[in-house]
């Protein structure tokens, strides 16, 4: 059964899938594995597999590849596009080139540029039959991946390349499985979907992009692009050169509160990963709130600096490994430690504390409302009169805002708290955070 052969290993925070393919005799192929290999290795261990091949469909912008790590740790053969110009040891593949795997399986490279120039999809063949295709950022469930990450000046030409690429994949047989890397929730995706895998037949029947001619496809794709985290601009080149191998198990070193405070005065950034209610009640002054959750990496990479030391404040029950690996998979190697003893130690040392009011329900008109959600979210429904400033743009926008009574909101509260912490660092003193979304705002006060 094909479902026993290929296992999706989701990263729900980034909205992506890696894949583990059982090649028989204890060998496995990993496709688009990230540098955070914990889940993939757990699945391989559960099934008694060792990764012998690691394939990357493209130079990823949203995470550092784990292929180099798999080569270093397990001797995996790295498979990637020759056109990518990678500078580390790998098997450089061109269009239609095939790699023989165990059990008579074959991996065939298909040049599918668009999402990136050097993009390959990989058809998994059993004899002459295509069991499925690892489509990376080409054809994805219900859509196609964005084409504006390489060079803004070349976005239209890449969209035209994507048009040809998705149709090349769609020409495979109806029962061919579709295994994309990007899915709903990925900033590389152009559409939200709850389903991460599909079949070619289903996509031909339901994917609206496949019904469009080239001009319609290009317009639809270009109109669907939203903003994306700033770290995306750096990772493609890092993946081309090969991410550094992570040696011994990384740890967050314990740093005394007084030392952390002194570092803060010299440019160290304190990132508070505790839940928003805890941050609202009390936090180190000028700390940046980025709650630890699945999407932690995306927002760390958007609102925290990559070129200054970061010290973490966490609750005792929050997993330091989760903090570190989410940071490492997007190239944040600047987490130098954590505050020993947490907030209690900070308070006991008499260091400055701040707080932020938080409310579950608010009344429109009482305060300026700043909505920090993404553009599509805001357009789908927002509080009348709300000022729309995406969280990722707030650092630059803050100096132009007046310090007036302000309600900061998003969809649930986490991004709003991050936004309020940014504004607070800029000296804003009249802030309230909404613990909810637009439905939590009363449009008119009761009589």
Protein backbone atom coordinates (compact mmCIF):
# COMPACT_ATOMS: atom_id res chain seq x y z
CA UNK A 1 0.00 0.00 0.00
CA UNK A 2 1.28 3.44 -0.95
CA UNK A 3 0.12 4.88 2.37
CA UNK A 4 2.42 2.45 4.18
CA UNK A 5 5.28 3.40 1.88
CA UNK A 6 5.19 7.20 2.34
CA UNK A 7 4.61 8.97 5.64
CA UNK A 8 3.99 12.71 5.85
CA UNK A 9 5.85 14.36 8.73
CA UNK A 10 4.05 17.66 9.31
CA UNK A 11 5.44 20.90 10.64
CA UNK A 12 2.13 22.55 11.44
CA UNK A 13 3.78 25.73 12.65
CA UNK A 14 5.28 26.40 9.21
CA UNK A 15 2.41 24.74 7.34
CA UNK A 16 4.75 22.24 5.67
CA UNK A 17 5.22 18.52 5.22
CA UNK A 18 8.43 16.56 5.05
CA UNK A 19 8.14 12.96 3.84
CA UNK A 20 9.70 9.68 4.92
CA UNK A 21 9.68 6.88 2.32
CA UNK A 22 10.25 3.28 3.40
CA UNK A 23 12.60 1.84 0.79
CA UNK A 24 12.74 -1.61 2.36
CA UNK A 25 15.59 -3.39 4.13
CA UNK A 26 15.67 -0.67 6.79
CA UNK A 27 16.50 2.14 4.34
CA UNK A 28 14.53 5.35 3.88
CA UNK A 29 14.31 8.45 1.71
CA UNK A 30 13.63 11.82 3.35
CA UNK A 31 12.15 14.59 1.21
CA UNK A 32 12.34 18.27 2.21
CA UNK A 33 13.35 17.56 5.78
CA UNK A 34 14.06 20.65 7.87
CA UNK A 35 16.99 21.17 10.20
CA UNK A 36 14.64 20.25 13.06
CA UNK A 37 14.76 16.51 12.49
CA UNK A 38 13.14 15.44 15.77
CA UNK A 39 9.78 14.32 14.33
CA UNK A 40 11.26 12.72 11.23
CA UNK A 41 13.80 10.78 13.28
CA UNK A 42 11.13 9.67 15.73
CA UNK A 43 9.10 8.29 12.83
CA UNK A 44 12.16 6.60 11.33
CA UNK A 45 13.04 5.05 14.70
CA UNK A 46 9.44 3.87 15.16
CA UNK A 47 9.64 2.07 11.82
CA UNK A 48 13.22 0.83 12.22
CA UNK A 49 14.54 2.92 9.32
CA UNK A 50 17.78 4.75 8.58
CA UNK A 51 17.73 7.65 6.13
CA UNK A 52 19.98 6.70 3.21
CA UNK A 53 18.80 9.40 0.78
CA UNK A 54 17.74 13.01 1.44
CA UNK A 55 16.11 14.94 -1.41
CA UNK A 56 15.39 18.67 -1.48
CA UNK A 57 12.94 19.98 -4.06
CA UNK A 58 14.30 23.53 -3.93
CA UNK A 59 16.36 26.09 -2.04
CA UNK A 60 13.94 26.65 0.79
CA UNK A 61 13.24 30.16 2.04
CA UNK A 62 11.15 29.24 5.08
CA UNK A 63 13.47 26.76 6.81
CA UNK A 64 17.01 25.48 6.76
CA UNK A 65 17.31 22.10 5.11
CA UNK A 66 18.14 19.05 7.22
CA UNK A 67 19.76 17.21 4.31
CA UNK A 68 23.31 18.22 5.27
CA UNK A 69 22.68 17.07 8.84
CA UNK A 70 21.36 13.73 7.60
CA UNK A 71 24.46 13.32 5.44
CA UNK A 72 26.74 14.07 8.39
CA UNK A 73 24.91 11.92 10.92
CA UNK A 74 23.69 8.99 8.83
CA UNK A 75 25.70 9.12 5.61
CA UNK A 76 22.63 10.00 3.56
CA UNK A 77 23.11 10.76 -0.13
CA UNK A 78 21.82 14.28 -0.77
CA UNK A 79 19.78 14.70 -3.96
CA UNK A 80 19.11 18.20 -5.31
CA UNK A 81 18.96 20.28 -8.46
CA UNK A 82 22.18 20.89 -10.37
CA UNK A 83 20.84 24.34 -11.25
CA UNK A 84 20.81 25.25 -7.55
CA UNK A 85 24.58 25.61 -7.46
CA UNK A 86 24.87 24.11 -4.00
CA UNK A 87 28.42 24.26 -2.68
CA UNK A 88 28.35 21.15 -0.48
CA UNK A 89 28.63 17.51 -1.48
CA UNK A 90 25.47 16.27 -3.19
CA UNK A 91 24.20 14.42 -6.23
CA UNK A 92 23.31 17.20 -8.69
CA UNK A 93 20.29 16.21 -10.76
CA UNK A 94 18.94 17.52 -14.06
CA UNK A 95 15.54 17.12 -15.69
CA UNK A 96 14.49 13.47 -16.23
CA UNK A 97 17.54 12.11 -14.42
CA UNK A 98 16.74 9.05 -12.29
CA UNK A 99 18.11 7.62 -9.07
CA UNK A 100 17.64 3.91 -8.39
CA UNK A 101 16.42 3.20 -4.86
CA UNK A 102 15.84 -0.05 -3.00
CA UNK A 103 13.12 -2.50 -3.94
CA UNK A 104 12.98 -1.48 -7.59
CA UNK A 105 11.78 2.03 -6.75
CA UNK A 106 13.14 4.91 -8.81
CA UNK A 107 13.16 8.65 -8.13
CA UNK A 108 12.86 10.75 -11.30
CA UNK A 109 13.71 14.46 -11.25
CA UNK A 110 11.26 16.77 -13.02
CA UNK A 111 12.32 20.35 -13.67
CA UNK A 112 9.44 22.48 -12.38
CA UNK A 113 10.67 26.08 -12.01
CA UNK A 114 8.41 28.82 -10.73
CA UNK A 115 8.46 28.84 -6.95
CA UNK A 116 12.26 29.02 -7.39
CA UNK A 117 14.41 28.92 -10.54
CA UNK A 118 16.02 25.57 -9.76
CA UNK A 119 12.93 23.80 -8.47
CA UNK A 120 12.67 20.05 -9.00
CA UNK A 121 9.73 17.79 -8.33
CA UNK A 122 10.44 14.11 -7.74
CA UNK A 123 8.26 11.37 -9.20
CA UNK A 124 8.44 8.11 -7.25
CA UNK A 125 8.26 5.29 -9.76
CA UNK A 126 7.58 1.59 -9.40
CA UNK A 127 8.53 0.30 -12.82
CA UNK A 128 6.68 2.46 -15.35
CA UNK A 129 4.04 3.55 -12.85
CA UNK A 130 4.26 6.87 -11.02
CA UNK A 131 3.13 6.13 -7.47
CA UNK A 132 3.27 9.78 -6.54
CA UNK A 133 5.11 13.04 -6.96
CA UNK A 134 6.86 15.16 -4.37
CA UNK A 135 5.90 18.54 -5.78
CA UNK A 136 7.58 20.82 -3.23
CA UNK A 137 6.44 24.36 -4.04
CA UNK A 138 5.01 23.71 -7.49
CA UNK A 139 1.50 22.22 -7.65
CA UNK A 140 0.05 22.13 -4.13
CA UNK A 141 -3.37 21.20 -2.79
CA UNK A 142 -5.90 23.60 -4.27
CA UNK A 143 -3.31 26.06 -5.55
CA UNK A 144 0.33 26.61 -6.50
CA UNK A 145 3.10 28.05 -4.34
CA UNK A 146 4.03 31.71 -4.53
CA UNK A 147 6.57 32.99 -7.07
CA UNK A 148 7.68 36.34 -5.59
CA UNK A 149 10.46 35.14 -3.26
CA UNK A 150 13.38 35.02 -5.70
CA UNK A 151 13.40 38.51 -7.22
CA UNK A 152 10.49 41.00 -7.33
CA UNK A 153 11.57 42.06 -10.83
CA UNK A 154 11.17 38.50 -12.10
CA UNK A 155 7.90 37.55 -10.44
CA UNK A 156 5.83 37.56 -13.64
CA UNK A 157 8.32 35.42 -15.57
CA UNK A 158 8.43 32.96 -12.67
CA UNK A 159 4.62 32.87 -12.63
CA UNK A 160 4.67 31.89 -16.29
CA UNK A 161 7.21 29.19 -15.52
CA UNK A 162 4.96 28.01 -12.68
CA UNK A 163 2.05 27.79 -15.14
CA UNK A 164 4.01 25.34 -17.26
CA UNK A 165 5.33 23.44 -14.27
CA UNK A 166 2.00 22.76 -12.58
CA UNK A 167 0.59 21.52 -15.86
CA UNK A 168 3.52 19.20 -16.29
CA UNK A 169 2.75 17.65 -12.93
CA UNK A 170 -0.99 17.61 -13.63
CA UNK A 171 -0.34 15.53 -16.75
CA UNK A 172 0.53 12.53 -14.56
CA UNK A 173 -2.09 9.84 -14.04
CA UNK A 174 -5.24 10.51 -12.02
CA UNK A 175 -4.31 8.00 -9.31
CA UNK A 176 -0.83 9.50 -8.83
CA UNK A 177 -0.46 10.78 -5.26
CA UNK A 178 0.43 14.44 -4.82
CA UNK A 179 2.84 15.08 -1.95
CA UNK A 180 3.56 18.83 -1.76
CA UNK A 181 5.83 20.42 0.81
CA UNK A 182 3.89 23.64 1.30
CA UNK A 183 0.28 23.65 2.48
CA UNK A 184 -2.28 25.69 4.34
CA UNK A 185 -0.63 27.95 6.89
CA UNK A 186 2.62 28.18 4.95
CA UNK A 187 3.75 31.66 3.95
CA UNK A 188 4.98 29.98 0.73
CA UNK A 189 1.43 28.90 -0.08
CA UNK A 190 -1.10 31.09 -1.86
CA UNK A 191 -4.19 29.48 -0.37
CA UNK A 192 -5.31 28.04 2.94
CA UNK A 193 -6.38 24.41 2.97
CA UNK A 194 -6.91 21.90 5.72
CA UNK A 195 -5.64 19.04 3.53
CA UNK A 196 -1.93 18.71 2.85
CA UNK A 197 -1.87 15.83 0.32
CA UNK A 198 -4.04 14.92 -2.65
CA UNK A 199 -4.04 13.09 -5.97
CA UNK A 200 -3.52 14.39 -9.47
CA UNK A 201 -7.07 13.40 -10.40
CA UNK A 202 -8.54 15.32 -7.49
CA UNK A 203 -6.50 18.41 -8.31
CA UNK A 204 -7.58 18.30 -11.94
CA UNK A 205 -11.17 18.20 -10.73
CA UNK A 206 -10.98 20.80 -7.97
CA UNK A 207 -7.92 23.06 -8.32
CA UNK A 208 -9.25 26.26 -9.92
CA UNK A 209 -5.80 27.31 -11.14
CA UNK A 210 -5.73 24.34 -13.48
CA UNK A 211 -8.84 25.66 -15.27
CA UNK A 212 -7.17 28.95 -16.21
CA UNK A 213 -5.23 29.87 -19.33
CA UNK A 214 -1.74 31.28 -18.87
CA UNK A 215 -2.82 34.92 -18.54
CA UNK A 216 -5.54 34.09 -16.05
CA UNK A 217 -3.16 31.88 -14.08
CA UNK A 218 -0.52 34.61 -13.88
CA UNK A 219 -3.05 37.22 -12.73
CA UNK A 220 -4.52 34.88 -10.12
CA UNK A 221 -1.12 33.93 -8.76
CA UNK A 222 0.24 37.48 -8.60
CA UNK A 223 -2.95 38.75 -6.92
CA UNK A 224 -2.67 36.10 -4.19
CA UNK A 225 0.69 37.11 -2.73
CA UNK A 226 0.71 38.44 0.81
CA UNK A 227 3.63 39.54 2.95
CA UNK A 228 6.14 37.04 4.32
CA UNK A 229 8.64 36.90 7.21
CA UNK A 230 11.82 38.88 6.67
CA UNK A 231 14.05 35.88 7.37
CA UNK A 232 12.89 34.40 4.05
CA UNK A 233 15.32 36.77 2.33
CA UNK A 234 18.33 35.04 3.90
CA UNK A 235 17.68 31.31 3.98
CA UNK A 236 17.83 30.48 0.28
CA UNK A 237 21.51 31.43 0.15
CA UNK A 238 22.24 29.65 3.42
CA UNK A 239 20.67 26.50 2.00
CA UNK A 240 22.74 26.88 -1.16
CA UNK A 241 25.94 26.97 0.92
CA UNK A 242 24.69 24.28 3.29
CA UNK A 243 23.56 24.92 6.86
CA UNK A 244 26.14 24.28 9.54
CA UNK A 245 25.90 20.85 11.10
CA UNK A 246 24.55 20.94 14.64
CA UNK A 247 26.93 18.98 16.84
CA UNK A 248 26.19 18.20 20.47
CA UNK A 249 22.62 18.60 21.65
CA UNK A 250 22.04 22.37 21.90
CA UNK A 251 20.99 23.79 25.26
CA UNK A 252 19.85 27.13 26.63
CA UNK A 253 22.56 28.17 29.06
CA UNK A 254 21.35 29.53 32.40
CA UNK A 255 22.06 33.26 32.72
CA UNK A 256 21.61 35.13 36.02
CA UNK A 257 18.93 37.81 35.91
CA UNK A 258 21.41 40.59 36.70
CA UNK A 259 23.68 39.48 33.84
CA UNK A 260 20.69 39.38 31.46
CA UNK A 261 19.66 42.89 32.53
CA UNK A 262 23.18 44.19 31.96
CA UNK A 263 23.20 42.56 28.53
CA UNK A 264 19.87 44.19 27.74
CA UNK A 265 21.46 47.58 28.36
CA UNK A 266 24.06 46.72 25.71
CA UNK A 267 21.74 45.53 22.96
CA UNK A 268 20.71 42.03 24.04
CA UNK A 269 17.03 41.36 23.28
CA UNK A 270 14.87 39.61 25.88
CA UNK A 271 12.28 37.35 24.23
CA UNK A 272 9.52 36.28 26.61
CA UNK A 273 7.98 33.02 25.34
CA UNK A 274 5.47 32.58 28.17
CA UNK A 275 1.71 32.55 27.51
CA UNK A 276 0.18 35.95 26.91
CA UNK A 277 -1.70 36.05 30.22
CA UNK A 278 1.57 35.64 32.11
CA UNK A 279 3.26 38.32 30.00
CA UNK A 280 0.33 40.70 30.52
CA UNK A 281 0.53 40.29 34.31
CA UNK A 282 4.26 40.99 34.56
CA UNK A 283 7.35 40.90 32.35
CA UNK A 284 10.84 42.39 32.23
CA UNK A 285 10.67 45.93 30.95
CA UNK A 286 11.28 46.13 27.18
CA UNK A 287 10.91 42.36 26.73
CA UNK A 288 9.49 41.19 23.40
CA UNK A 289 6.52 38.82 23.68
CA UNK A 290 6.61 35.87 21.26
CA UNK A 291 4.55 33.08 22.88
CA UNK A 292 5.87 29.56 22.38
CA UNK A 293 3.49 27.73 20.04
CA UNK A 294 3.61 26.03 16.67
CA UNK A 295 4.08 29.34 14.84
CA UNK A 296 6.85 30.54 17.18
CA UNK A 297 9.55 30.24 14.50
CA UNK A 298 7.67 32.36 11.96
CA UNK A 299 7.16 35.26 14.36
CA UNK A 300 10.62 34.99 15.89
CA UNK A 301 12.01 35.31 12.38
CA UNK A 302 9.78 38.28 11.60
CA UNK A 303 9.94 40.49 14.69
CA UNK A 304 13.16 39.51 16.53
CA UNK A 305 16.65 40.40 15.26
CA UNK A 306 18.90 37.67 13.86
CA UNK A 307 22.08 39.67 14.37
CA UNK A 308 21.85 40.52 18.08
CA UNK A 309 22.04 38.17 21.07
CA UNK A 310 18.70 36.92 22.40
CA UNK A 311 18.06 35.78 25.95
CA UNK A 312 14.87 33.81 26.56
CA UNK A 313 12.44 34.01 29.45
CA UNK A 314 10.26 30.90 29.76
CA UNK A 315 8.05 29.16 32.27
CA UNK A 316 9.51 26.10 33.93
CA UNK A 317 7.09 23.78 32.13
CA UNK A 318 7.96 25.10 28.65
CA UNK A 319 10.28 22.84 26.66
CA UNK A 320 13.68 24.47 26.01
CA UNK A 321 14.35 22.02 23.18
CA UNK A 322 11.23 23.25 21.39
CA UNK A 323 12.39 26.86 21.72
CA UNK A 324 15.88 26.08 20.44
CA UNK A 325 14.91 23.87 17.51
CA UNK A 326 12.23 26.23 16.26
CA UNK A 327 14.91 28.94 16.30
CA UNK A 328 17.61 26.78 14.71
CA UNK A 329 15.42 25.61 11.84
CA UNK A 330 15.11 29.23 10.63
CA UNK A 331 18.78 30.02 11.18
CA UNK A 332 18.52 31.79 14.53
CA UNK A 333 21.70 30.68 16.27
CA UNK A 334 21.77 33.81 18.44
CA UNK A 335 19.79 32.43 21.41
CA UNK A 336 22.56 32.72 23.96
CA UNK A 337 20.66 31.46 27.00
CA UNK A 338 17.71 31.80 29.34
CA UNK A 339 17.12 33.74 32.54
CA UNK A 340 17.98 31.41 35.40
CA UNK A 341 15.03 31.18 37.77
CA UNK A 342 12.62 32.83 35.33
CA UNK A 343 10.55 35.88 36.17
CA UNK A 344 10.73 35.20 39.90
CA UNK A 345 14.51 35.64 39.80
CA UNK A 346 14.13 38.85 37.80
CA UNK A 347 11.68 40.24 40.39
CA UNK A 348 13.81 39.11 43.34
CA UNK A 349 16.76 40.98 41.86
CA UNK A 350 14.70 44.17 41.91
CA UNK A 351 14.92 44.59 38.14
CA UNK A 352 12.32 46.72 36.28
CA UNK A 353 8.95 45.10 35.61
CA UNK A 354 6.16 46.14 33.25
CA UNK A 355 2.63 44.89 32.58
CA UNK A 356 -0.04 45.23 29.90
CA UNK A 357 -3.82 45.34 30.43
CA UNK A 358 -5.68 42.56 28.64
CA UNK A 359 -9.40 42.22 28.05
CA UNK A 360 -11.69 39.51 26.68
CA UNK A 361 -14.31 41.96 25.37
CA UNK A 362 -13.97 45.55 24.14
CA UNK A 363 -16.30 48.22 22.82
CA UNK A 364 -15.51 49.84 19.47
CA UNK A 365 -15.17 53.61 19.60
CA UNK A 366 -13.71 53.79 23.09
CA UNK A 367 -10.12 53.53 21.82
CA UNK A 368 -8.10 53.56 18.64
CA UNK A 369 -8.08 49.99 17.34
CA UNK A 370 -4.94 48.59 15.74
CA UNK A 371 -5.50 45.28 13.91
CA UNK A 372 -2.18 43.48 13.32
CA UNK A 373 -3.45 40.49 11.32
CA UNK A 374 -2.36 39.69 7.76
CA UNK A 375 -3.99 41.52 4.89
CA UNK A 376 -6.29 38.70 3.82
CA UNK A 377 -7.52 38.23 7.38
CA UNK A 378 -8.28 41.92 7.72
CA UNK A 379 -10.08 42.05 4.36
CA UNK A 380 -12.22 39.05 5.34
CA UNK A 381 -13.72 41.04 8.23
CA UNK A 382 -12.56 43.69 10.66
CA UNK A 383 -13.75 46.20 13.22
CA UNK A 384 -15.04 49.32 11.44
CA UNK A 385 -12.48 52.08 11.59
CA UNK A 386 -9.64 49.82 12.75
CA UNK A 387 -6.15 50.85 11.70
CA UNK A 388 -4.56 47.94 9.85
CA UNK A 389 -0.86 47.48 10.57
CA UNK A 390 0.48 43.96 10.09
CA UNK A 391 2.57 42.75 12.99
CA UNK A 392 5.61 42.41 10.75
CA UNK A 393 5.43 46.11 9.81
CA UNK A 394 4.84 47.51 13.28
CA UNK A 395 8.46 48.11 14.28
CA UNK A 396 8.85 50.57 11.40
CA UNK A 397 5.37 52.08 11.79
CA UNK A 398 5.52 52.70 15.55
CA UNK A 399 7.53 55.97 15.47
CA UNK A 400 4.79 57.59 13.39
CA UNK A 401 1.97 56.74 15.79
CA UNK A 402 0.66 58.90 18.60
CA UNK A 403 0.49 57.52 22.13
CA UNK A 404 -3.30 57.59 22.53
CA UNK A 405 -5.59 55.01 24.19
CA UNK A 406 -5.22 52.00 21.92
CA UNK A 407 -6.77 48.54 21.68
CA UNK A 408 -4.39 46.09 19.96
CA UNK A 409 -6.00 43.04 18.37
CA UNK A 410 -5.39 40.09 16.09
CA UNK A 411 -7.32 36.84 15.74
CA UNK A 412 -6.72 35.23 19.14
CA UNK A 413 -4.41 37.45 21.18
CA UNK A 414 -0.87 36.13 20.64
CA UNK A 415 0.09 38.47 17.79
CA UNK A 416 -1.64 41.35 19.53
CA UNK A 417 0.50 40.81 22.61
CA UNK A 418 3.64 40.73 20.46
CA UNK A 419 2.50 43.98 18.85
CA UNK A 420 1.77 45.61 22.21
CA UNK A 421 5.22 44.61 23.47
CA UNK A 422 6.78 46.31 20.42
CA UNK A 423 4.73 49.46 21.03
CA UNK A 424 5.61 49.39 24.72
CA UNK A 425 9.31 49.22 23.82
CA UNK A 426 8.71 52.39 21.77
CA UNK A 427 7.33 54.18 24.83
CA UNK A 428 3.59 53.68 24.37
CA UNK A 429 1.80 53.71 27.72
CA UNK A 430 -1.94 53.59 26.93
CA UNK A 431 -2.32 50.10 25.50
CA UNK A 432 -4.88 47.33 26.00
CA UNK A 433 -4.57 43.90 24.38
CA UNK A 434 -7.67 42.07 23.15
CA UNK A 435 -7.63 38.39 24.08
CA UNK A 436 -9.65 37.40 21.03
CA UNK A 437 -10.57 38.48 17.52
CA UNK A 438 -13.08 40.83 15.86
CA UNK A 439 -15.95 38.83 17.32
CA UNK A 440 -14.82 39.97 20.76
CA UNK A 441 -15.45 43.62 19.94
CA UNK A 442 -18.88 45.09 20.69
CA UNK A 443 -19.77 47.59 18.00
CA UNK A 444 -22.09 49.66 20.14
CA UNK A 445 -22.18 50.18 23.86
CA UNK A 446 -25.26 48.83 25.60
CA UNK A 447 -28.00 51.36 26.45
